[in-house]
Amino acid sequence: MKENRVFDDLTRLFADAGEVAHGVRREAETALRAQFERAAQAMNFVTREEFEAVREMAARARDENERLRARIETLEAQSATARRAGAGS
């Protein structure tokens, strides 16, 4: 009977130790996550959302530059044609 009680006490002790270890792990993860977030903010890291927004803006700017480049080329070609037509008169 005494052996069963010792075994029960040991079982309870190991179960409690497991719960404590799990709690310590959660605490450590929370502390590390908070520490990392503070460090990331101090280093001025951007969020994924901010990065994606700037990336989209850059893509739109590139598209606009391409449209403007094509328009300038067209206007230059028209100007050159008009100059040649004027010089040939």
PDB file of N, CA and C in Angstrom:
ATOM      1  N   MET A   1       0.814  -1.179   0.000  1.00  0.00           N
ATOM      2  CA  MET A   1       0.000   0.000   0.000  1.00  0.00           C
ATOM      3  C   MET A   1       0.868   1.257   0.000  1.00  0.00           C
ATOM      4  N   LYS A   2       1.949   1.229   0.806  1.00  0.00           N
ATOM      5  CA  LYS A   2       2.865   2.346   0.865  1.00  0.00           C
ATOM      6  C   LYS A   2       3.545   2.555  -0.488  1.00  0.00           C
ATOM      7  N   GLU A   3       3.851   1.467  -1.174  1.00  0.00           N
ATOM      8  CA  GLU A   3       4.505   1.562  -2.477  1.00  0.00           C
ATOM      9  C   GLU A   3       3.591   2.253  -3.481  1.00  0.00           C
ATOM     10  N   ASN A   4       2.291   1.937  -3.416  1.00  0.00           N
ATOM     11  CA  ASN A   4       1.333   2.590  -4.323  1.00  0.00           C
ATOM     12  C   ASN A   4       1.268   4.093  -4.058  1.00  0.00           C
ATOM     13  N   ARG A   5       1.299   4.458  -2.796  1.00  0.00           N
ATOM     14  CA  ARG A   5       1.237   5.874  -2.448  1.00  0.00           C
ATOM     15  C   ARG A   5       2.491   6.596  -2.953  1.00  0.00           C
ATOM     16  N   VAL A   6       3.648   5.987  -2.810  1.00  0.00           N
ATOM     17  CA  VAL A   6       4.894   6.576  -3.298  1.00  0.00           C
ATOM     18  C   VAL A   6       4.826   6.707  -4.816  1.00  0.00           C
ATOM     19  N   PHE A   7       4.330   5.661  -5.459  1.00  0.00           N
ATOM     20  CA  PHE A   7       4.198   5.699  -6.919  1.00  0.00           C
ATOM     21  C   PHE A   7       3.217   6.796  -7.335  1.00  0.00           C
ATOM     22  N   ASP A   8       2.098   6.925  -6.644  1.00  0.00           N
ATOM     23  CA  ASP A   8       1.124   7.982  -6.929  1.00  0.00           C
ATOM     24  C   ASP A   8       1.738   9.363  -6.723  1.00  0.00           C
ATOM     25  N   ASP A   9       2.501   9.512  -5.655  1.00  0.00           N
ATOM     26  CA  ASP A   9       3.145  10.796  -5.391  1.00  0.00           C
ATOM     27  C   ASP A   9       4.157  11.136  -6.481  1.00  0.00           C
ATOM     28  N   LEU A  10       4.931  10.148  -6.904  1.00  0.00           N
ATOM     29  CA  LEU A  10       5.903  10.373  -7.978  1.00  0.00           C
ATOM     30  C   LEU A  10       5.208  10.729  -9.290  1.00  0.00           C
ATOM     31  N   THR A  11       4.128  10.034  -9.572  1.00  0.00           N
ATOM     32  CA  THR A  11       3.362  10.316 -10.788  1.00  0.00           C
ATOM     33  C   THR A  11       2.832  11.746 -10.760  1.00  0.00           C
ATOM     34  N   ARG A  12       2.275  12.129  -9.623  1.00  0.00           N
ATOM     35  CA  ARG A  12       1.753  13.486  -9.471  1.00  0.00           C
ATOM     36  C   ARG A  12       2.888  14.515  -9.597  1.00  0.00           C
ATOM     37  N   LEU A  13       4.025  14.212  -9.012  1.00  0.00           N
ATOM     38  CA  LEU A  13       5.170  15.115  -9.072  1.00  0.00           C
ATOM     39  C   LEU A  13       5.632  15.315 -10.509  1.00  0.00           C
ATOM     40  N   PHE A  14       5.728  14.212 -11.273  1.00  0.00           N
ATOM     41  CA  PHE A  14       6.147  14.322 -12.671  1.00  0.00           C
ATOM     42  C   PHE A  14       5.105  15.062 -13.505  1.00  0.00           C
ATOM     43  N   ALA A  15       3.848  14.840 -13.237  1.00  0.00           N
ATOM     44  CA  ALA A  15       2.790  15.550 -13.962  1.00  0.00           C
ATOM     45  C   ALA A  15       2.865  17.044 -13.670  1.00  0.00           C
ATOM     46  N   ASP A  16       3.046  17.387 -12.407  1.00  0.00           N
ATOM     47  CA  ASP A  16       3.168  18.795 -12.035  1.00  0.00           C
ATOM     48  C   ASP A  16       4.416  19.417 -12.659  1.00  0.00           C
ATOM     49  N   ALA A  17       5.502  18.674 -12.681  1.00  0.00           N
ATOM     50  CA  ALA A  17       6.744  19.180 -13.278  1.00  0.00           C
ATOM     51  C   ALA A  17       6.550  19.437 -14.768  1.00  0.00           C
ATOM     52  N   GLY A  18       5.796  18.554 -15.424  1.00  0.00           N
ATOM     53  CA  GLY A  18       5.511  18.745 -16.849  1.00  0.00           C
ATOM     54  C   GLY A  18       4.702  20.005 -17.086  1.00  0.00           C
ATOM     55  N   GLU A  19       3.719  20.255 -16.236  1.00  0.00           N
ATOM     56  CA  GLU A  19       2.904  21.467 -16.359  1.00  0.00           C
ATOM     57  C   GLU A  19       3.742  22.710 -16.106  1.00  0.00           C
ATOM     58  N   VAL A  20       4.609  22.640 -15.118  1.00  0.00           N
ATOM     59  CA  VAL A  20       5.483  23.773 -14.826  1.00  0.00           C
ATOM     60  C   VAL A  20       6.409  24.040 -16.002  1.00  0.00           C
ATOM     61  N   ALA A  21       6.981  22.984 -16.562  1.00  0.00           N
ATOM     62  CA  ALA A  21       7.884  23.137 -17.707  1.00  0.00           C
ATOM     63  C   ALA A  21       7.143  23.751 -18.890  1.00  0.00           C
ATOM     64  N   HIS A  22       5.902  23.322 -19.112  1.00  0.00           N
ATOM     65  CA  HIS A  22       5.100  23.873 -20.205  1.00  0.00           C
ATOM     66  C   HIS A  22       4.838  25.367 -19.963  1.00  0.00           C
ATOM     67  N   GLY A  23       4.530  25.713 -18.729  1.00  0.00           N
ATOM     68  CA  GLY A  23       4.298  27.113 -18.379  1.00  0.00           C
ATOM     69  C   GLY A  23       5.550  27.954 -18.565  1.00  0.00           C
ATOM     70  N   VAL A  24       6.682  27.421 -18.162  1.00  0.00           N
ATOM     71  CA  VAL A  24       7.959  28.134 -18.329  1.00  0.00           C
ATOM     72  C   VAL A  24       8.245  28.343 -19.807  1.00  0.00           C
ATOM     73  N   ARG A  25       7.959  27.327 -20.609  1.00  0.00           N
ATOM     74  CA  ARG A  25       8.179  27.428 -22.050  1.00  0.00           C
ATOM     75  C   ARG A  25       7.321  28.540 -22.645  1.00  0.00           C
ATOM     76  N   ARG A  26       6.051  28.593 -22.258  1.00  0.00           N
ATOM     77  CA  ARG A  26       5.160  29.652 -22.760  1.00  0.00           C
ATOM     78  C   ARG A  26       5.665  31.032 -22.346  1.00  0.00           C
ATOM     79  N   GLU A  27       6.086  31.137 -21.096  1.00  0.00           N
ATOM     80  CA  GLU A  27       6.617  32.421 -20.592  1.00  0.00           C
ATOM     81  C   GLU A  27       7.860  32.835 -21.392  1.00  0.00           C
ATOM     82  N   ALA A  28       8.742  31.871 -21.623  1.00  0.00           N
ATOM     83  CA  ALA A  28       9.974  32.163 -22.364  1.00  0.00           C
ATOM     84  C   ALA A  28       9.650  32.590 -23.791  1.00  0.00           C
ATOM     85  N   GLU A  29       8.720  31.893 -24.444  1.00  0.00           N
ATOM     86  CA  GLU A  29       8.344  32.254 -25.807  1.00  0.00           C
ATOM     87  C   GLU A  29       7.754  33.659 -25.855  1.00  0.00           C
ATOM     88  N   THR A  30       6.899  33.972 -24.890  1.00  0.00           N
ATOM     89  CA  THR A  30       6.285  35.298 -24.839  1.00  0.00           C
ATOM     90  C   THR A  30       7.345  36.372 -24.635  1.00  0.00           C
ATOM     91  N   ALA A  31       8.262  36.125 -23.716  1.00  0.00           N
ATOM     92  CA  ALA A  31       9.330  37.099 -23.447  1.00  0.00           C
ATOM     93  C   ALA A  31      10.232  37.276 -24.669  1.00  0.00           C
ATOM     94  N   LEU A  32      10.593  36.178 -25.328  1.00  0.00           N
ATOM     95  CA  LEU A  32      11.443  36.269 -26.508  1.00  0.00           C
ATOM     96  C   LEU A  32      10.729  36.988 -27.645  1.00  0.00           C
ATOM     97  N   ARG A  33       9.456  36.702 -27.836  1.00  0.00           N
ATOM     98  CA  ARG A  33       8.690  37.361 -28.886  1.00  0.00           C
ATOM     99  C   ARG A  33       8.637  38.878 -28.633  1.00  0.00           C
ATOM    100  N   ALA A  34       8.381  39.259 -27.390  1.00  0.00           N
ATOM    101  CA  ALA A  34       8.330  40.684 -27.043  1.00  0.00           C
ATOM    102  C   ALA A  34       9.692  41.337 -27.259  1.00  0.00           C
ATOM    103  N   GLN A  35      10.740  40.649 -26.868  1.00  0.00           N
ATOM    104  CA  GLN A  35      12.105  41.168 -27.044  1.00  0.00           C
ATOM    105  C   GLN A  35      12.412  41.345 -28.529  1.00  0.00           C
ATOM    106  N   PHE A  36      12.054  40.358 -29.336  1.00  0.00           N
ATOM    107  CA  PHE A  36      12.304  40.443 -30.773  1.00  0.00           C
ATOM    108  C   PHE A  36      11.511  41.588 -31.390  1.00  0.00           C
ATOM    109  N   GLU A  37      10.266  41.754 -30.997  1.00  0.00           N
ATOM    110  CA  GLU A  37       9.454  42.835 -31.544  1.00  0.00           C
ATOM    111  C   GLU A  37      10.041  44.199 -31.187  1.00  0.00           C
ATOM    112  N   ARG A  38      10.526  44.338 -29.955  1.00  0.00           N
ATOM    113  CA  ARG A  38      11.166  45.606 -29.560  1.00  0.00           C
ATOM    114  C   ARG A  38      12.422  45.849 -30.392  1.00  0.00           C
ATOM    115  N   ALA A  39      13.210  44.809 -30.580  1.00  0.00           N
ATOM    116  CA  ALA A  39      14.438  44.946 -31.373  1.00  0.00           C
ATOM    117  C   ALA A  39      14.105  45.281 -32.825  1.00  0.00           C
ATOM    118  N   ALA A  40      13.094  44.636 -33.372  1.00  0.00           N
ATOM    119  CA  ALA A  40      12.704  44.892 -34.756  1.00  0.00           C
ATOM    120  C   ALA A  40      12.225  46.328 -34.924  1.00  0.00           C
ATOM    121  N   GLN A  41      11.476  46.831 -33.961  1.00  0.00           N
ATOM    122  CA  GLN A  41      11.010  48.210 -34.035  1.00  0.00           C
ATOM    123  C   GLN A  41      12.180  49.188 -33.923  1.00  0.00           C
ATOM    124  N   ALA A  42      13.139  48.868 -33.094  1.00  0.00           N
ATOM    125  CA  ALA A  42      14.303  49.735 -32.926  1.00  0.00           C
ATOM    126  C   ALA A  42      15.139  49.779 -34.205  1.00  0.00           C
ATOM    127  N   MET A  43      15.112  48.705 -34.982  1.00  0.00           N
ATOM    128  CA  MET A  43      15.884  48.643 -36.224  1.00  0.00           C
ATOM    129  C   MET A  43      15.096  49.171 -37.416  1.00  0.00           C
ATOM    130  N   ASN A  44      13.894  49.666 -37.152  1.00  0.00           N
ATOM    131  CA  ASN A  44      13.048  50.235 -38.202  1.00  0.00           C
ATOM    132  C   ASN A  44      12.703  49.239 -39.300  1.00  0.00           C
ATOM    133  N   PHE A  45      12.488  47.996 -38.942  1.00  0.00           N
ATOM    134  CA  PHE A  45      12.007  47.018 -39.910  1.00  0.00           C
ATOM    135  C   PHE A  45      10.607  47.425 -40.345  1.00  0.00           C
ATOM    136  N   VAL A  46      10.249  47.091 -41.559  1.00  0.00           N
ATOM    137  CA  VAL A  46       8.901  47.377 -42.035  1.00  0.00           C
ATOM    138  C   VAL A  46       8.056  46.117 -41.928  1.00  0.00           C
ATOM    139  N   THR A  47       6.767  46.316 -41.833  1.00  0.00           N
ATOM    140  CA  THR A  47       5.868  45.172 -41.791  1.00  0.00           C
ATOM    141  C   THR A  47       5.681  44.637 -43.204  1.00  0.00           C
ATOM    142  N   ARG A  48       5.159  43.456 -43.309  1.00  0.00           N
ATOM    143  CA  ARG A  48       4.880  42.856 -44.618  1.00  0.00           C
ATOM    144  C   ARG A  48       3.902  43.738 -45.393  1.00  0.00           C
ATOM    145  N   GLU A  49       2.897  44.279 -44.689  1.00  0.00           N
ATOM    146  CA  GLU A  49       1.894  45.120 -45.342  1.00  0.00           C
ATOM    147  C   GLU A  49       2.536  46.389 -45.916  1.00  0.00           C
ATOM    148  N   GLU A  50       3.430  46.997 -45.130  1.00  0.00           N
ATOM    149  CA  GLU A  50       4.115  48.202 -45.613  1.00  0.00           C
ATOM    150  C   GLU A  50       4.978  47.879 -46.826  1.00  0.00           C
ATOM    151  N   PHE A  51       5.686  46.756 -46.766  1.00  0.00           N
ATOM    152  CA  PHE A  51       6.542  46.341 -47.870  1.00  0.00           C
ATOM    153  C   PHE A  51       5.715  46.132 -49.132  1.00  0.00           C
ATOM    154  N   GLU A  52       4.587  45.422 -48.996  1.00  0.00           N
ATOM    155  CA  GLU A  52       3.739  45.150 -50.155  1.00  0.00           C
ATOM    156  C   GLU A  52       3.170  46.436 -50.739  1.00  0.00           C
ATOM    157  N   ALA A  53       2.810  47.399 -49.875  1.00  0.00           N
ATOM    158  CA  ALA A  53       2.259  48.666 -50.355  1.00  0.00           C
ATOM    159  C   ALA A  53       3.316  49.429 -51.164  1.00  0.00           C
ATOM    160  N   VAL A  54       4.541  49.485 -50.669  1.00  0.00           N
ATOM    161  CA  VAL A  54       5.616  50.191 -51.389  1.00  0.00           C
ATOM    162  C   VAL A  54       5.948  49.458 -52.684  1.00  0.00           C
ATOM    163  N   ARG A  55       5.919  48.152 -52.643  1.00  0.00           N
ATOM    164  CA  ARG A  55       6.187  47.359 -53.847  1.00  0.00           C
ATOM    165  C   ARG A  55       5.149  47.655 -54.931  1.00  0.00           C
ATOM    166  N   GLU A  56       3.887  47.742 -54.525  1.00  0.00           N
ATOM    167  CA  GLU A  56       2.818  48.049 -55.465  1.00  0.00           C
ATOM    168  C   GLU A  56       2.988  49.461 -56.038  1.00  0.00           C
ATOM    169  N   MET A  57       3.360  50.412 -55.184  1.00  0.00           N
ATOM    170  CA  MET A  57       3.591  51.780 -55.650  1.00  0.00           C
ATOM    171  C   MET A  57       4.729  51.809 -56.671  1.00  0.00           C
ATOM    172  N   ALA A  58       5.780  51.069 -56.424  1.00  0.00           N
ATOM    173  CA  ALA A  58       6.924  51.027 -57.344  1.00  0.00           C
ATOM    174  C   ALA A  58       6.508  50.411 -58.681  1.00  0.00           C
ATOM    175  N   ALA A  59       5.694  49.375 -58.646  1.00  0.00           N
ATOM    176  CA  ALA A  59       5.228  48.745 -59.886  1.00  0.00           C
ATOM    177  C   ALA A  59       4.382  49.726 -60.698  1.00  0.00           C
ATOM    178  N   ARG A  60       3.506  50.468 -60.016  1.00  0.00           N
ATOM    179  CA  ARG A  60       2.685  51.466 -60.723  1.00  0.00           C
ATOM    180  C   ARG A  60       3.556  52.569 -61.315  1.00  0.00           C
ATOM    181  N   ALA A  61       4.581  52.983 -60.571  1.00  0.00           N
ATOM    182  CA  ALA A  61       5.488  54.027 -61.063  1.00  0.00           C
ATOM    183  C   ALA A  61       6.250  53.531 -62.299  1.00  0.00           C
ATOM    184  N   ARG A  62       6.687  52.278 -62.280  1.00  0.00           N
ATOM    185  CA  ARG A  62       7.379  51.719 -63.460  1.00  0.00           C
ATOM    186  C   ARG A  62       6.447  51.693 -64.669  1.00  0.00           C
ATOM    187  N   ASP A  63       5.211  51.287 -64.454  1.00  0.00           N
ATOM    188  CA  ASP A  63       4.235  51.249 -65.553  1.00  0.00           C
ATOM    189  C   ASP A  63       4.015  52.650 -66.122  1.00  0.00           C
ATOM    190  N   GLU A  64       3.863  53.633 -65.236  1.00  0.00           N
ATOM    191  CA  GLU A  64       3.663  55.010 -65.668  1.00  0.00           C
ATOM    192  C   GLU A  64       4.872  55.511 -66.438  1.00  0.00           C
ATOM    193  N   ASN A  65       6.083  55.175 -65.987  1.00  0.00           N
ATOM    194  CA  ASN A  65       7.302  55.577 -66.702  1.00  0.00           C
ATOM    195  C   ASN A  65       7.335  54.987 -68.110  1.00  0.00           C
ATOM    196  N   GLU A  66       6.933  53.741 -68.239  1.00  0.00           N
ATOM    197  CA  GLU A  66       6.908  53.094 -69.559  1.00  0.00           C
ATOM    198  C   GLU A  66       5.908  53.790 -70.474  1.00  0.00           C
ATOM    199  N   ARG A  67       4.716  54.136 -69.933  1.00  0.00           N
ATOM    200  CA  ARG A  67       3.711  54.841 -70.743  1.00  0.00           C
ATOM    201  C   ARG A  67       4.236  56.214 -71.175  1.00  0.00           C
ATOM    202  N   LEU A  68       4.876  56.918 -70.255  1.00  0.00           N
ATOM    203  CA  LEU A  68       5.423  58.235 -70.586  1.00  0.00           C
ATOM    204  C   LEU A  68       6.559  58.132 -71.601  1.00  0.00           C
ATOM    205  N   ARG A  69       7.390  57.111 -71.457  1.00  0.00           N
ATOM    206  CA  ARG A  69       8.486  56.913 -72.414  1.00  0.00           C
ATOM    207  C   ARG A  69       7.928  56.679 -73.820  1.00  0.00           C
ATOM    208  N   ALA A  70       6.903  55.845 -73.909  1.00  0.00           N
ATOM    209  CA  ALA A  70       6.291  55.577 -75.219  1.00  0.00           C
ATOM    210  C   ALA A  70       5.667  56.849 -75.792  1.00  0.00           C
ATOM    211  N   ARG A  71       5.031  57.650 -74.953  1.00  0.00           N
ATOM    212  CA  ARG A  71       4.408  58.890 -75.410  1.00  0.00           C
ATOM    213  C   ARG A  71       5.464  59.879 -75.912  1.00  0.00           C
ATOM    214  N   ILE A  72       6.570  59.986 -75.166  1.00  0.00           N
ATOM    215  CA  ILE A  72       7.662  60.878 -75.590  1.00  0.00           C
ATOM    216  C   ILE A  72       8.238  60.423 -76.923  1.00  0.00           C
ATOM    217  N   GLU A  73       8.433  59.126 -77.090  1.00  0.00           N
ATOM    218  CA  GLU A  73       8.972  58.607 -78.351  1.00  0.00           C
ATOM    219  C   GLU A  73       8.030  58.927 -79.511  1.00  0.00           C
ATOM    220  N   THR A  74       6.724  58.798 -79.261  1.00  0.00           N
ATOM    221  CA  THR A  74       5.744  59.120 -80.300  1.00  0.00           C
ATOM    222  C   THR A  74       5.794  60.601 -80.641  1.00  0.00           C
ATOM    223  N   LEU A  75       5.817  61.450 -79.618  1.00  0.00           N
ATOM    224  CA  LEU A  75       5.873  62.895 -79.862  1.00  0.00           C
ATOM    225  C   LEU A  75       7.160  63.296 -80.567  1.00  0.00           C
ATOM    226  N   GLU A  76       8.285  62.691 -80.208  1.00  0.00           N
ATOM    227  CA  GLU A  76       9.553  62.995 -80.871  1.00  0.00           C
ATOM    228  C   GLU A  76       9.517  62.575 -82.332  1.00  0.00           C
ATOM    229  N   ALA A  77       8.914  61.419 -82.585  1.00  0.00           N
ATOM    230  CA  ALA A  77       8.807  60.955 -83.971  1.00  0.00           C
ATOM    231  C   ALA A  77       7.914  61.895 -84.779  1.00  0.00           C
ATOM    232  N   GLN A  78       6.811  62.343 -84.187  1.00  0.00           N
ATOM    233  CA  GLN A  78       5.918  63.277 -84.881  1.00  0.00           C
ATOM    234  C   GLN A  78       6.619  64.602 -85.133  1.00  0.00           C
ATOM    235  N   SER A  79       7.394  65.063 -84.156  1.00  0.00           N
ATOM    236  CA  SER A  79       8.124  66.324 -84.295  1.00  0.00           C
ATOM    237  C   SER A  79       9.168  66.212 -85.405  1.00  0.00           C
ATOM    238  N   ALA A  80       9.880  65.094 -85.439  1.00  0.00           N
ATOM    239  CA  ALA A  80      10.898  64.888 -86.478  1.00  0.00           C
ATOM    240  C   ALA A  80      10.239  64.849 -87.842  1.00  0.00           C
ATOM    241  N   THR A  81       9.104  64.207 -87.947  1.00  0.00           N
ATOM    242  CA  THR A  81       8.383  64.123 -89.237  1.00  0.00           C
ATOM    243  C   THR A  81       7.926  65.508 -89.666  1.00  0.00           C
ATOM    244  N   ALA A  82       7.412  66.297 -88.687  1.00  0.00           N
ATOM    245  CA  ALA A  82       6.953  67.641 -89.021  1.00  0.00           C
ATOM    246  C   ALA A  82       8.130  68.519 -89.462  1.00  0.00           C
ATOM    247  N   ARG A  83       9.287  68.361 -88.808  1.00  0.00           N
ATOM    248  CA  ARG A  83      10.464  69.164 -89.180  1.00  0.00           C
ATOM    249  C   ARG A  83      10.914  68.807 -90.595  1.00  0.00           C
ATOM    250  N   ARG A  84      10.910  67.513 -90.894  1.00  0.00           N
ATOM    251  CA  ARG A  84      11.328  67.087 -92.245  1.00  0.00           C
ATOM    252  C   ARG A  84      10.332  67.598 -93.292  1.00  0.00           C
ATOM    253  N   ALA A  85       9.060  67.559 -92.943  1.00  0.00           N
ATOM    254  CA  ALA A  85       8.045  68.027 -93.908  1.00  0.00           C
ATOM    255  C   ALA A  85       8.179  69.536 -94.107  1.00  0.00           C
ATOM    256  N   GLY A  86       8.477  70.263 -93.030  1.00  0.00           N
ATOM    257  CA  GLY A  86       8.662  71.705 -93.127  1.00  0.00           C
ATOM    258  C   GLY A  86       9.916  72.072 -93.886  1.00  0.00           C
ATOM    259  N   ALA A  87      10.954  71.261 -93.729  1.00  0.00           N
ATOM    260  CA  ALA A  87      12.233  71.548 -94.408  1.00  0.00           C
ATOM    261  C   ALA A  87      12.131  71.209 -95.885  1.00  0.00           C
ATOM    262  N   GLY A  88      11.270  70.301 -96.208  1.00  0.00           N
ATOM    263  CA  GLY A  88      11.141  69.880 -97.608  1.00  0.00           C
ATOM    264  C   GLY A  88      10.241  70.808 -98.413  1.00  0.00           C
ATOM    265  N   SER A  89       9.569  71.729 -97.778  1.00  0.00           N
ATOM    266  CA  SER A  89       8.635  72.605 -98.495  1.00  0.00           C
ATOM    267  C   SER A  89       9.314  73.660 -99.281  1.00  0.00           C
TER     268      SER A  89
END
